[in-house]
Amino acid sequence: MAEVSAEVLQQLQQTQAELAITFETQGPGVQAGVAAQEEPVFGAAGSGQAQHLLVDHYFTSTLRRLYAYAGGAWRYRNVATPDEQGLAQVAFSADRVDVWWDASNVLTLVRCWKNF
C-alpha cells in the first residue's frame, strides 16, 4: 500500500473541516450533490490522475462522500448510498483513476481504468 504524505493528510483534514462547516450551516446536501439524469458535464475547471481515493461513509446520516486527490488538492462528490458501493468497488479495484472537477472542486467525472 502506498504511503500518504503528512501534507496530503493535512490537506484532507482542511477540506473536511471546510465541508463540515457547510454541512452544519446548510445540511448534508446529498440530494443537491447527486445529480439527476442529465447531460454529463466533464470538468469545467480541471482534470487529472488521482493519486489517492477515499470514501467517507457516515453512520449518523445518509451522507456518503467520495474524495480524490488529484492536481495537488482534494476533490469530492456527495454520492447516493446505492452508488457508493458500486463506485467504490470499481474505483478501488482500478489500476488508474482519472477525475474531472468543476470550479468548486466538486467531481464531475470519475474514469476508472483496468489493465488486462
PDB file of N, CA and C in Angstrom:
ATOM      1  N   MET A   1       0.844  -1.168   0.000  1.00  0.00           N
ATOM      2  CA  MET A   1       0.000   0.000   0.000  1.00  0.00           C
ATOM      3  C   MET A   1       0.892   1.234   0.000  1.00  0.00           C
ATOM      4  N   ALA A   2       0.561   2.205  -0.804  1.00  0.00           N
ATOM      5  CA  ALA A   2       1.329   3.439  -0.887  1.00  0.00           C
ATOM      6  C   ALA A   2       1.109   4.280   0.361  1.00  0.00           C
ATOM      7  N   GLU A   3       2.167   4.897   0.815  1.00  0.00           N
ATOM      8  CA  GLU A   3       2.078   5.788   1.970  1.00  0.00           C
ATOM      9  C   GLU A   3       1.470   7.118   1.544  1.00  0.00           C
ATOM     10  N   VAL A   4       0.680   7.693   2.430  1.00  0.00           N
ATOM     11  CA  VAL A   4       0.092   9.005   2.199  1.00  0.00           C
ATOM     12  C   VAL A   4       0.922  10.002   2.999  1.00  0.00           C
ATOM     13  N   SER A   5       1.400  11.035   2.326  1.00  0.00           N
ATOM     14  CA  SER A   5       2.265  12.002   2.996  1.00  0.00           C
ATOM     15  C   SER A   5       1.486  12.809   4.033  1.00  0.00           C
ATOM     16  N   ALA A   6       2.208  13.341   4.998  1.00  0.00           N
ATOM     17  CA  ALA A   6       1.591  14.162   6.044  1.00  0.00           C
ATOM     18  C   ALA A   6       0.928  15.396   5.448  1.00  0.00           C
ATOM     19  N   GLU A   7       1.542  15.959   4.399  1.00  0.00           N
ATOM     20  CA  GLU A   7       0.977  17.145   3.751  1.00  0.00           C
ATOM     21  C   GLU A   7      -0.379  16.829   3.109  1.00  0.00           C
ATOM     22  N   VAL A   8      -0.476  15.684   2.448  1.00  0.00           N
ATOM     23  CA  VAL A   8      -1.732  15.285   1.807  1.00  0.00           C
ATOM     24  C   VAL A   8      -2.802  15.035   2.861  1.00  0.00           C
ATOM     25  N   LEU A   9      -2.445  14.390   3.954  1.00  0.00           N
ATOM     26  CA  LEU A   9      -3.411  14.162   5.044  1.00  0.00           C
ATOM     27  C   LEU A   9      -3.863  15.470   5.654  1.00  0.00           C
ATOM     28  N   GLN A  10      -2.954  16.429   5.789  1.00  0.00           N
ATOM     29  CA  GLN A  10      -3.311  17.736   6.341  1.00  0.00           C
ATOM     30  C   GLN A  10      -4.275  18.462   5.402  1.00  0.00           C
ATOM     31  N   GLN A  11      -4.045  18.362   4.101  1.00  0.00           N
ATOM     32  CA  GLN A  11      -4.966  18.960   3.134  1.00  0.00           C
ATOM     33  C   GLN A  11      -6.344  18.319   3.221  1.00  0.00           C
ATOM     34  N   LEU A  12      -6.384  16.996   3.424  1.00  0.00           N
ATOM     35  CA  LEU A  12      -7.660  16.304   3.568  1.00  0.00           C
ATOM     36  C   LEU A  12      -8.402  16.810   4.798  1.00  0.00           C
ATOM     37  N   GLN A  13      -7.701  16.937   5.907  1.00  0.00           N
ATOM     38  CA  GLN A  13      -8.330  17.436   7.131  1.00  0.00           C
ATOM     39  C   GLN A  13      -8.885  18.839   6.936  1.00  0.00           C
ATOM     40  N   GLN A  14      -8.161  19.695   6.231  1.00  0.00           N
ATOM     41  CA  GLN A  14      -8.625  21.051   5.951  1.00  0.00           C
ATOM     42  C   GLN A  14      -9.876  21.027   5.078  1.00  0.00           C
ATOM     43  N   THR A  15      -9.847  20.207   4.035  1.00  0.00           N
ATOM     44  CA  THR A  15     -11.001  20.095   3.145  1.00  0.00           C
ATOM     45  C   THR A  15     -12.219  19.578   3.909  1.00  0.00           C
ATOM     46  N   GLN A  16     -12.024  18.557   4.735  1.00  0.00           N
ATOM     47  CA  GLN A  16     -13.133  18.009   5.514  1.00  0.00           C
ATOM     48  C   GLN A  16     -13.670  19.030   6.498  1.00  0.00           C
ATOM     49  N   ALA A  17     -12.789  19.821   7.119  1.00  0.00           N
ATOM     50  CA  ALA A  17     -13.230  20.852   8.062  1.00  0.00           C
ATOM     51  C   ALA A  17     -14.077  21.901   7.354  1.00  0.00           C
ATOM     52  N   GLU A  18     -13.662  22.316   6.160  1.00  0.00           N
ATOM     53  CA  GLU A  18     -14.434  23.293   5.393  1.00  0.00           C
ATOM     54  C   GLU A  18     -15.795  22.746   5.010  1.00  0.00           C
ATOM     55  N   LEU A  19     -15.837  21.478   4.599  1.00  0.00           N
ATOM     56  CA  LEU A  19     -17.111  20.861   4.241  1.00  0.00           C
ATOM     57  C   LEU A  19     -17.997  20.649   5.465  1.00  0.00           C
ATOM     58  N   ALA A  20     -17.397  20.402   6.625  1.00  0.00           N
ATOM     59  CA  ALA A  20     -18.171  20.225   7.854  1.00  0.00           C
ATOM     60  C   ALA A  20     -18.897  21.513   8.221  1.00  0.00           C
ATOM     61  N   ILE A  21     -18.251  22.647   8.000  1.00  0.00           N
ATOM     62  CA  ILE A  21     -18.904  23.934   8.273  1.00  0.00           C
ATOM     63  C   ILE A  21     -20.107  24.097   7.358  1.00  0.00           C
ATOM     64  N   THR A  22     -19.957  23.758   6.093  1.00  0.00           N
ATOM     65  CA  THR A  22     -21.070  23.802   5.152  1.00  0.00           C
ATOM     66  C   THR A  22     -22.170  22.843   5.577  1.00  0.00           C
ATOM     67  N   PHE A  23     -21.790  21.650   6.015  1.00  0.00           N
ATOM     68  CA  PHE A  23     -22.743  20.646   6.471  1.00  0.00           C
ATOM     69  C   PHE A  23     -23.556  21.178   7.648  1.00  0.00           C
ATOM     70  N   GLU A  24     -22.889  21.830   8.604  1.00  0.00           N
ATOM     71  CA  GLU A  24     -23.564  22.350   9.794  1.00  0.00           C
ATOM     72  C   GLU A  24     -24.498  23.496   9.458  1.00  0.00           C
ATOM     73  N   THR A  25     -24.128  24.337   8.508  1.00  0.00           N
ATOM     74  CA  THR A  25     -24.944  25.504   8.198  1.00  0.00           C
ATOM     75  C   THR A  25     -26.015  25.235   7.147  1.00  0.00           C
ATOM     76  N   GLN A  26     -25.760  24.283   6.243  1.00  0.00           N
ATOM     77  CA  GLN A  26     -26.689  24.061   5.137  1.00  0.00           C
ATOM     78  C   GLN A  26     -27.257  22.651   5.069  1.00  0.00           C
ATOM     79  N   GLY A  27     -26.858  21.766   5.960  1.00  0.00           N
ATOM     80  CA  GLY A  27     -27.311  20.387   5.910  1.00  0.00           C
ATOM     81  C   GLY A  27     -26.412  19.571   5.009  1.00  0.00           C
ATOM     82  N   PRO A  28     -26.671  18.264   4.926  1.00  0.00           N
ATOM     83  CA  PRO A  28     -25.774  17.382   4.193  1.00  0.00           C
ATOM     84  C   PRO A  28     -25.734  17.618   2.697  1.00  0.00           C
ATOM     85  N   GLY A  29     -26.803  18.082   2.113  1.00  0.00           N
ATOM     86  CA  GLY A  29     -26.798  18.366   0.689  1.00  0.00           C
ATOM     87  C   GLY A  29     -26.566  17.164  -0.205  1.00  0.00           C
ATOM     88  N   VAL A  30     -26.902  15.988   0.265  1.00  0.00           N
ATOM     89  CA  VAL A  30     -26.660  14.789  -0.543  1.00  0.00           C
ATOM     90  C   VAL A  30     -27.442  14.862  -1.839  1.00  0.00           C
ATOM     91  N   GLN A  31     -28.708  15.201  -1.768  1.00  0.00           N
ATOM     92  CA  GLN A  31     -29.501  15.258  -2.985  1.00  0.00           C
ATOM     93  C   GLN A  31     -29.015  16.353  -3.920  1.00  0.00           C
ATOM     94  N   ALA A  32     -28.568  17.482  -3.360  1.00  0.00           N
ATOM     95  CA  ALA A  32     -28.046  18.550  -4.201  1.00  0.00           C
ATOM     96  C   ALA A  32     -26.737  18.132  -4.851  1.00  0.00           C
ATOM     97  N   GLY A  33     -25.960  17.300  -4.136  1.00  0.00           N
ATOM     98  CA  GLY A  33     -24.670  16.876  -4.663  1.00  0.00           C
ATOM     99  C   GLY A  33     -24.777  15.711  -5.624  1.00  0.00           C
ATOM    100  N   VAL A  34     -25.910  15.038  -5.634  1.00  0.00           N
ATOM    101  CA  VAL A  34     -26.110  13.891  -6.517  1.00  0.00           C
ATOM    102  C   VAL A  34     -26.965  14.366  -7.676  1.00  0.00           C
ATOM    103  N   ALA A  35     -26.369  14.457  -8.832  1.00  0.00           N
ATOM    104  CA  ALA A  35     -27.072  14.976  -9.997  1.00  0.00           C
ATOM    105  C   ALA A  35     -28.108  13.983 -10.505  1.00  0.00           C
ATOM    106  N   ALA A  36     -29.224  14.521 -10.941  1.00  0.00           N
ATOM    107  CA  ALA A  36     -30.243  13.692 -11.573  1.00  0.00           C
ATOM    108  C   ALA A  36     -29.750  13.304 -12.961  1.00  0.00           C
ATOM    109  N   GLN A  37     -30.502  12.462 -13.638  1.00  0.00           N
ATOM    110  CA  GLN A  37     -30.130  12.083 -15.001  1.00  0.00           C
ATOM    111  C   GLN A  37     -30.144  13.340 -15.862  1.00  0.00           C
ATOM    112  N   GLU A  38     -28.976  13.749 -16.283  1.00  0.00           N
ATOM    113  CA  GLU A  38     -28.854  14.945 -17.100  1.00  0.00           C
ATOM    114  C   GLU A  38     -27.659  14.771 -18.017  1.00  0.00           C
ATOM    115  N   GLU A  39     -27.512  15.698 -18.909  1.00  0.00           N
ATOM    116  CA  GLU A  39     -26.368  15.666 -19.823  1.00  0.00           C
ATOM    117  C   GLU A  39     -25.075  15.767 -19.022  1.00  0.00           C
ATOM    118  N   PRO A  40     -24.112  14.875 -19.241  1.00  0.00           N
ATOM    119  CA  PRO A  40     -22.885  14.919 -18.464  1.00  0.00           C
ATOM    120  C   PRO A  40     -22.072  16.173 -18.722  1.00  0.00           C
ATOM    121  N   VAL A  41     -21.430  16.656 -17.664  1.00  0.00           N
ATOM    122  CA  VAL A  41     -20.530  17.798 -17.752  1.00  0.00           C
ATOM    123  C   VAL A  41     -19.155  17.285 -17.357  1.00  0.00           C
ATOM    124  N   PHE A  42     -18.190  17.450 -18.227  1.00  0.00           N
ATOM    125  CA  PHE A  42     -16.852  16.946 -17.965  1.00  0.00           C
ATOM    126  C   PHE A  42     -15.949  18.089 -17.545  1.00  0.00           C
ATOM    127  N   GLY A  43     -15.755  18.229 -16.246  1.00  0.00           N
ATOM    128  CA  GLY A  43     -14.819  19.145 -15.626  1.00  0.00           C
ATOM    129  C   GLY A  43     -14.576  20.471 -16.284  1.00  0.00           C
ATOM    130  N   ALA A  44     -15.222  21.479 -15.792  1.00  0.00           N
ATOM    131  CA  ALA A  44     -15.019  22.811 -16.327  1.00  0.00           C
ATOM    132  C   ALA A  44     -13.714  23.423 -15.827  1.00  0.00           C
ATOM    133  N   ALA A  45     -13.218  22.982 -14.686  1.00  0.00           N
ATOM    134  CA  ALA A  45     -12.048  23.623 -14.087  1.00  0.00           C
ATOM    135  C   ALA A  45     -10.762  22.832 -14.262  1.00  0.00           C
ATOM    136  N   GLY A  46     -10.838  21.520 -14.238  1.00  0.00           N
ATOM    137  CA  GLY A  46      -9.605  20.762 -14.344  1.00  0.00           C
ATOM    138  C   GLY A  46      -9.821  19.271 -14.358  1.00  0.00           C
ATOM    139  N   SER A  47      -8.714  18.570 -14.574  1.00  0.00           N
ATOM    140  CA  SER A  47      -8.742  17.112 -14.578  1.00  0.00           C
ATOM    141  C   SER A  47      -7.356  16.608 -14.234  1.00  0.00           C
ATOM    142  N   GLY A  48      -7.294  15.341 -13.849  1.00  0.00           N
ATOM    143  CA  GLY A  48      -6.006  14.751 -13.550  1.00  0.00           C
ATOM    144  C   GLY A  48      -6.149  13.323 -13.087  1.00  0.00           C
ATOM    145  N   GLN A  49      -5.012  12.678 -12.916  1.00  0.00           N
ATOM    146  CA  GLN A  49      -4.995  11.314 -12.415  1.00  0.00           C
ATOM    147  C   GLN A  49      -4.997  11.353 -10.894  1.00  0.00           C
ATOM    148  N   ALA A  50      -5.883  10.585 -10.284  1.00  0.00           N
ATOM    149  CA  ALA A  50      -5.970  10.553  -8.822  1.00  0.00           C
ATOM    150  C   ALA A  50      -4.798   9.770  -8.242  1.00  0.00           C
ATOM    151  N   GLN A  51      -4.146  10.352  -7.267  1.00  0.00           N
ATOM    152  CA  GLN A  51      -3.099   9.644  -6.545  1.00  0.00           C
ATOM    153  C   GLN A  51      -3.668   8.905  -5.331  1.00  0.00           C
ATOM    154  N   HIS A  52      -4.789   9.398  -4.807  1.00  0.00           N
ATOM    155  CA  HIS A  52      -5.437   8.780  -3.657  1.00  0.00           C
ATOM    156  C   HIS A  52      -6.951   8.864  -3.837  1.00  0.00           C
ATOM    157  N   LEU A  53      -7.657   7.862  -3.334  1.00  0.00           N
ATOM    158  CA  LEU A  53      -9.119   7.850  -3.288  1.00  0.00           C
ATOM    159  C   LEU A  53      -9.548   7.454  -1.885  1.00  0.00           C
ATOM    160  N   LEU A  54     -10.649   8.007  -1.438  1.00  0.00           N
ATOM    161  CA  LEU A  54     -11.239   7.532  -0.193  1.00  0.00           C
ATOM    162  C   LEU A  54     -12.731   7.814  -0.201  1.00  0.00           C
ATOM    163  N   VAL A  55     -13.456   7.058   0.607  1.00  0.00           N
ATOM    164  CA  VAL A  55     -14.899   7.245   0.756  1.00  0.00           C
ATOM    165  C   VAL A  55     -15.191   7.459   2.222  1.00  0.00           C
ATOM    166  N   ASP A  56     -15.914   8.539   2.522  1.00  0.00           N
ATOM    167  CA  ASP A  56     -16.435   8.757   3.876  1.00  0.00           C
ATOM    168  C   ASP A  56     -17.857   8.222   3.897  1.00  0.00           C
ATOM    169  N   HIS A  57     -18.113   7.319   4.814  1.00  0.00           N
ATOM    170  CA  HIS A  57     -19.439   6.716   4.984  1.00  0.00           C
ATOM    171  C   HIS A  57     -19.881   7.053   6.406  1.00  0.00           C
ATOM    172  N   TYR A  58     -20.746   8.048   6.549  1.00  0.00           N
ATOM    173  CA  TYR A  58     -21.196   8.490   7.864  1.00  0.00           C
ATOM    174  C   TYR A  58     -22.329   7.604   8.353  1.00  0.00           C
ATOM    175  N   PHE A  59     -22.183   7.064   9.534  1.00  0.00           N
ATOM    176  CA  PHE A  59     -23.220   6.205  10.104  1.00  0.00           C
ATOM    177  C   PHE A  59     -24.332   7.007  10.759  1.00  0.00           C
ATOM    178  N   THR A  60     -24.091   8.278  11.010  1.00  0.00           N
ATOM    179  CA  THR A  60     -25.083   9.120  11.681  1.00  0.00           C
ATOM    180  C   THR A  60     -25.947   9.899  10.705  1.00  0.00           C
ATOM    181  N   SER A  61     -25.734   9.711   9.408  1.00  0.00           N
ATOM    182  CA  SER A  61     -26.552  10.378   8.395  1.00  0.00           C
ATOM    183  C   SER A  61     -26.483   9.560   7.107  1.00  0.00           C
ATOM    184  N   THR A  62     -27.150  10.056   6.093  1.00  0.00           N
ATOM    185  CA  THR A  62     -27.113   9.387   4.787  1.00  0.00           C
ATOM    186  C   THR A  62     -25.989   9.924   3.913  1.00  0.00           C
ATOM    187  N   LEU A  63     -25.145  10.765   4.466  1.00  0.00           N
ATOM    188  CA  LEU A  63     -24.062  11.364   3.694  1.00  0.00           C
ATOM    189  C   LEU A  63     -23.001  10.333   3.340  1.00  0.00           C
ATOM    190  N   ARG A  64     -22.677  10.259   2.059  1.00  0.00           N
ATOM    191  CA  ARG A  64     -21.593   9.442   1.533  1.00  0.00           C
ATOM    192  C   ARG A  64     -20.779  10.367   0.648  1.00  0.00           C
ATOM    193  N   ARG A  65     -19.476  10.408   0.845  1.00  0.00           N
ATOM    194  CA  ARG A  65     -18.659  11.344   0.084  1.00  0.00           C
ATOM    195  C   ARG A  65     -17.428  10.633  -0.463  1.00  0.00           C
ATOM    196  N   LEU A  66     -17.211  10.765  -1.781  1.00  0.00           N
ATOM    197  CA  LEU A  66     -16.030  10.241  -2.445  1.00  0.00           C
ATOM    198  C   LEU A  66     -15.027  11.379  -2.577  1.00  0.00           C
ATOM    199  N   TYR A  67     -13.799  11.128  -2.161  1.00  0.00           N
ATOM    200  CA  TYR A  67     -12.705  12.084  -2.313  1.00  0.00           C
ATOM    201  C   TYR A  67     -11.682  11.521  -3.285  1.00  0.00           C
ATOM    202  N   ALA A  68     -11.092  12.398  -4.082  1.00  0.00           N
ATOM    203  CA  ALA A  68      -9.978  12.038  -4.956  1.00  0.00           C
ATOM    204  C   ALA A  68      -8.913  13.117  -4.803  1.00  0.00           C
ATOM    205  N   TYR A  69      -7.681  12.698  -4.612  1.00  0.00           N
ATOM    206  CA  TYR A  69      -6.568  13.631  -4.544  1.00  0.00           C
ATOM    207  C   TYR A  69      -5.921  13.677  -5.917  1.00  0.00           C
ATOM    208  N   ALA A  70      -6.075  14.808  -6.590  1.00  0.00           N
ATOM    209  CA  ALA A  70      -5.536  14.973  -7.946  1.00  0.00           C
ATOM    210  C   ALA A  70      -5.192  16.434  -8.162  1.00  0.00           C
ATOM    211  N   GLY A  71      -4.157  16.685  -8.910  1.00  0.00           N
ATOM    212  CA  GLY A  71      -3.783  18.063  -9.196  1.00  0.00           C
ATOM    213  C   GLY A  71      -3.345  18.828  -7.953  1.00  0.00           C
ATOM    214  N   GLY A  72      -2.851  18.105  -6.949  1.00  0.00           N
ATOM    215  CA  GLY A  72      -2.342  18.749  -5.743  1.00  0.00           C
ATOM    216  C   GLY A  72      -3.393  19.173  -4.740  1.00  0.00           C
ATOM    217  N   ALA A  73      -4.637  18.696  -4.894  1.00  0.00           N
ATOM    218  CA  ALA A  73      -5.703  19.076  -3.956  1.00  0.00           C
ATOM    219  C   ALA A  73      -6.749  17.963  -3.888  1.00  0.00           C
ATOM    220  N   TRP A  74      -7.534  17.988  -2.827  1.00  0.00           N
ATOM    221  CA  TRP A  74      -8.623  17.026  -2.667  1.00  0.00           C
ATOM    222  C   TRP A  74      -9.848  17.546  -3.393  1.00  0.00           C
ATOM    223  N   ARG A  75     -10.475  16.701  -4.182  1.00  0.00           N
ATOM    224  CA  ARG A  75     -11.742  16.969  -4.866  1.00  0.00           C
ATOM    225  C   ARG A  75     -12.754  15.989  -4.280  1.00  0.00           C
ATOM    226  N   TYR A  76     -14.031  16.309  -4.319  1.00  0.00           N
ATOM    227  CA  TYR A  76     -15.010  15.435  -3.687  1.00  0.00           C
ATOM    228  C   TYR A  76     -16.315  15.419  -4.463  1.00  0.00           C
ATOM    229  N   ARG A  77     -17.160  14.467  -4.082  1.00  0.00           N
ATOM    230  CA  ARG A  77     -18.517  14.380  -4.626  1.00  0.00           C
ATOM    231  C   ARG A  77     -19.375  13.650  -3.619  1.00  0.00           C
ATOM    232  N   ASN A  78     -20.526  14.220  -3.269  1.00  0.00           N
ATOM    233  CA  ASN A  78     -21.502  13.500  -2.478  1.00  0.00           C
ATOM    234  C   ASN A  78     -22.152  12.465  -3.379  1.00  0.00           C
ATOM    235  N   VAL A  79     -22.296  11.249  -2.894  1.00  0.00           N
ATOM    236  CA  VAL A  79     -22.874  10.187  -3.706  1.00  0.00           C
ATOM    237  C   VAL A  79     -24.038   9.538  -2.965  1.00  0.00           C
ATOM    238  N   ALA A  80     -24.975   9.037  -3.720  1.00  0.00           N
ATOM    239  CA  ALA A  80     -26.119   8.340  -3.144  1.00  0.00           C
ATOM    240  C   ALA A  80     -25.657   6.980  -2.617  1.00  0.00           C
ATOM    241  N   THR A  81     -26.333   6.483  -1.615  1.00  0.00           N
ATOM    242  CA  THR A  81     -25.959   5.223  -0.988  1.00  0.00           C
ATOM    243  C   THR A  81     -25.823   4.072  -1.985  1.00  0.00           C
ATOM    244  N   PRO A  82     -26.775   3.876  -2.918  1.00  0.00           N
ATOM    245  CA  PRO A  82     -26.603   2.763  -3.865  1.00  0.00           C
ATOM    246  C   PRO A  82     -25.371   2.937  -4.761  1.00  0.00           C
ATOM    247  N   ASP A  83     -25.062   4.182  -5.118  1.00  0.00           N
ATOM    248  CA  ASP A  83     -23.905   4.446  -5.978  1.00  0.00           C
ATOM    249  C   ASP A  83     -22.590   4.235  -5.247  1.00  0.00           C
ATOM    250  N   GLU A  84     -22.599   4.447  -3.945  1.00  0.00           N
ATOM    251  CA  GLU A  84     -21.368   4.345  -3.164  1.00  0.00           C
ATOM    252  C   GLU A  84     -20.718   2.974  -3.324  1.00  0.00           C
ATOM    253  N   GLN A  85     -21.482   1.927  -3.182  1.00  0.00           N
ATOM    254  CA  GLN A  85     -20.915   0.578  -3.233  1.00  0.00           C
ATOM    255  C   GLN A  85     -20.338   0.254  -4.597  1.00  0.00           C
ATOM    256  N   GLY A  86     -21.090   0.519  -5.638  1.00  0.00           N
ATOM    257  CA  GLY A  86     -20.611   0.208  -6.978  1.00  0.00           C
ATOM    258  C   GLY A  86     -19.424   1.050  -7.382  1.00  0.00           C
ATOM    259  N   LEU A  87     -19.500   2.343  -7.107  1.00  0.00           N
ATOM    260  CA  LEU A  87     -18.420   3.240  -7.469  1.00  0.00           C
ATOM    261  C   LEU A  87     -17.145   2.898  -6.710  1.00  0.00           C
ATOM    262  N   ALA A  88     -17.266   2.672  -5.426  1.00  0.00           N
ATOM    263  CA  ALA A  88     -16.087   2.341  -4.626  1.00  0.00           C
ATOM    264  C   ALA A  88     -15.474   1.018  -5.090  1.00  0.00           C
ATOM    265  N   GLN A  89     -16.310   0.040  -5.383  1.00  0.00           N
ATOM    266  CA  GLN A  89     -15.801  -1.257  -5.815  1.00  0.00           C
ATOM    267  C   GLN A  89     -15.023  -1.132  -7.122  1.00  0.00           C
ATOM    268  N   VAL A  90     -15.563  -0.391  -8.065  1.00  0.00           N
ATOM    269  CA  VAL A  90     -14.898  -0.219  -9.350  1.00  0.00           C
ATOM    270  C   VAL A  90     -13.643   0.640  -9.201  1.00  0.00           C
ATOM    271  N   ALA A  91     -13.765   1.767  -8.520  1.00  0.00           N
ATOM    272  CA  ALA A  91     -12.631   2.690  -8.396  1.00  0.00           C
ATOM    273  C   ALA A  91     -11.475   2.081  -7.621  1.00  0.00           C
ATOM    274  N   PHE A  92     -11.770   1.391  -6.520  1.00  0.00           N
ATOM    275  CA  PHE A  92     -10.704   0.854  -5.692  1.00  0.00           C
ATOM    276  C   PHE A  92     -10.043  -0.386  -6.313  1.00  0.00           C
ATOM    277  N   SER A  93     -10.684  -1.005  -7.281  1.00  0.00           N
ATOM    278  CA  SER A  93     -10.040  -2.137  -7.952  1.00  0.00           C
ATOM    279  C   SER A  93      -9.379  -1.721  -9.263  1.00  0.00           C
ATOM    280  N   ALA A  94      -9.514  -0.462  -9.635  1.00  0.00           N
ATOM    281  CA  ALA A  94      -8.934   0.028 -10.888  1.00  0.00           C
ATOM    282  C   ALA A  94      -7.420   0.189 -10.764  1.00  0.00           C
ATOM    283  N   ASP A  95      -6.753   0.094 -11.898  1.00  0.00           N
ATOM    284  CA  ASP A  95      -5.315   0.338 -11.953  1.00  0.00           C
ATOM    285  C   ASP A  95      -5.004   1.820 -12.031  1.00  0.00           C
ATOM    286  N   ARG A  96      -5.967   2.582 -12.518  1.00  0.00           N
ATOM    287  CA  ARG A  96      -5.794   4.025 -12.675  1.00  0.00           C
ATOM    288  C   ARG A  96      -7.164   4.671 -12.597  1.00  0.00           C
ATOM    289  N   VAL A  97      -7.225   5.840 -11.960  1.00  0.00           N
ATOM    290  CA  VAL A  97      -8.478   6.595 -11.875  1.00  0.00           C
ATOM    291  C   VAL A  97      -8.190   8.031 -12.307  1.00  0.00           C
ATOM    292  N   ASP A  98      -8.879   8.477 -13.335  1.00  0.00           N
ATOM    293  CA  ASP A  98      -8.802   9.864 -13.779  1.00  0.00           C
ATOM    294  C   ASP A  98     -10.059  10.574 -13.312  1.00  0.00           C
ATOM    295  N   VAL A  99      -9.910  11.839 -12.921  1.00  0.00           N
ATOM    296  CA  VAL A  99     -11.050  12.599 -12.418  1.00  0.00           C
ATOM    297  C   VAL A  99     -11.104  13.972 -13.076  1.00  0.00           C
ATOM    298  N   TRP A 100     -12.310  14.496 -13.178  1.00  0.00           N
ATOM    299  CA  TRP A 100     -12.563  15.851 -13.645  1.00  0.00           C
ATOM    300  C   TRP A 100     -13.352  16.558 -12.560  1.00  0.00           C
ATOM    301  N   TRP A 101     -13.157  17.872 -12.412  1.00  0.00           N
ATOM    302  CA  TRP A 101     -13.853  18.629 -11.377  1.00  0.00           C
ATOM    303  C   TRP A 101     -14.223  20.014 -11.885  1.00  0.00           C
ATOM    304  N   ASP A 102     -15.180  20.630 -11.167  1.00  0.00           N
ATOM    305  CA  ASP A 102     -15.621  21.975 -11.533  1.00  0.00           C
ATOM    306  C   ASP A 102     -14.868  23.019 -10.699  1.00  0.00           C
ATOM    307  N   ALA A 103     -15.249  24.270 -10.819  1.00  0.00           N
ATOM    308  CA  ALA A 103     -14.557  25.368 -10.135  1.00  0.00           C
ATOM    309  C   ALA A 103     -14.686  25.294  -8.615  1.00  0.00           C
ATOM    310  N   SER A 104     -15.628  24.500  -8.108  1.00  0.00           N
ATOM    311  CA  SER A 104     -15.808  24.330  -6.663  1.00  0.00           C
ATOM    312  C   SER A 104     -15.130  23.072  -6.140  1.00  0.00           C
ATOM    313  N   ASN A 105     -14.297  22.442  -6.956  1.00  0.00           N
ATOM    314  CA  ASN A 105     -13.616  21.190  -6.614  1.00  0.00           C
ATOM    315  C   ASN A 105     -14.565  20.012  -6.436  1.00  0.00           C
ATOM    316  N   VAL A 106     -15.744  20.096  -7.027  1.00  0.00           N
ATOM    317  CA  VAL A 106     -16.708  19.001  -6.988  1.00  0.00           C
ATOM    318  C   VAL A 106     -16.457  18.118  -8.209  1.00  0.00           C
ATOM    319  N   LEU A 107     -16.297  16.830  -7.969  1.00  0.00           N
ATOM    320  CA  LEU A 107     -16.040  15.891  -9.060  1.00  0.00           C
ATOM    321  C   LEU A 107     -17.213  15.852 -10.031  1.00  0.00           C
ATOM    322  N   THR A 108     -16.902  15.883 -11.312  1.00  0.00           N
ATOM    323  CA  THR A 108     -17.941  15.782 -12.337  1.00  0.00           C
ATOM    324  C   THR A 108     -17.838  14.489 -13.132  1.00  0.00           C
ATOM    325  N   LEU A 109     -16.664  13.840 -13.068  1.00  0.00           N
ATOM    326  CA  LEU A 109     -16.482  12.582 -13.776  1.00  0.00           C
ATOM    327  C   LEU A 109     -15.366  11.801 -13.101  1.00  0.00           C
ATOM    328  N   VAL A 110     -15.582  10.500 -12.960  1.00  0.00           N
ATOM    329  CA  VAL A 110     -14.550   9.589 -12.469  1.00  0.00           C
ATOM    330  C   VAL A 110     -14.420   8.500 -13.520  1.00  0.00           C
ATOM    331  N   ARG A 111     -13.228   8.389 -14.091  1.00  0.00           N
ATOM    332  CA  ARG A 111     -12.975   7.359 -15.119  1.00  0.00           C
ATOM    333  C   ARG A 111     -12.000   6.337 -14.530  1.00  0.00           C
ATOM    334  N   CYS A 112     -12.437   5.097 -14.451  1.00  0.00           N
ATOM    335  CA  CYS A 112     -11.650   4.026 -13.843  1.00  0.00           C
ATOM    336  C   CYS A 112     -11.086   3.131 -14.937  1.00  0.00           C
ATOM    337  N   TRP A 113      -9.785   2.878 -14.856  1.00  0.00           N
ATOM    338  CA  TRP A 113      -9.074   2.069 -15.839  1.00  0.00           C
ATOM    339  C   TRP A 113      -8.655   0.751 -15.213  1.00  0.00           C
ATOM    340  N   LYS A 114      -8.786  -0.312 -15.948  1.00  0.00           N
ATOM    341  CA  LYS A 114      -8.306  -1.621 -15.530  1.00  0.00           C
ATOM    342  C   LYS A 114      -7.460  -2.191 -16.659  1.00  0.00           C
ATOM    343  N   ASN A 115      -6.225  -2.535 -16.366  1.00  0.00           N
ATOM    344  CA  ASN A 115      -5.328  -3.134 -17.356  1.00  0.00           C
ATOM    345  C   ASN A 115      -5.526  -4.645 -17.401  1.00  0.00           C
ATOM    346  N   PHE A 116      -5.527  -5.198 -18.607  1.00  0.00           N
ATOM    347  CA  PHE A 116      -5.667  -6.645 -18.779  1.00  0.00           C
ATOM    348  C   PHE A 116      -4.435  -7.198 -19.427  1.00  0.00           C
TER     349      PHE A 116
END
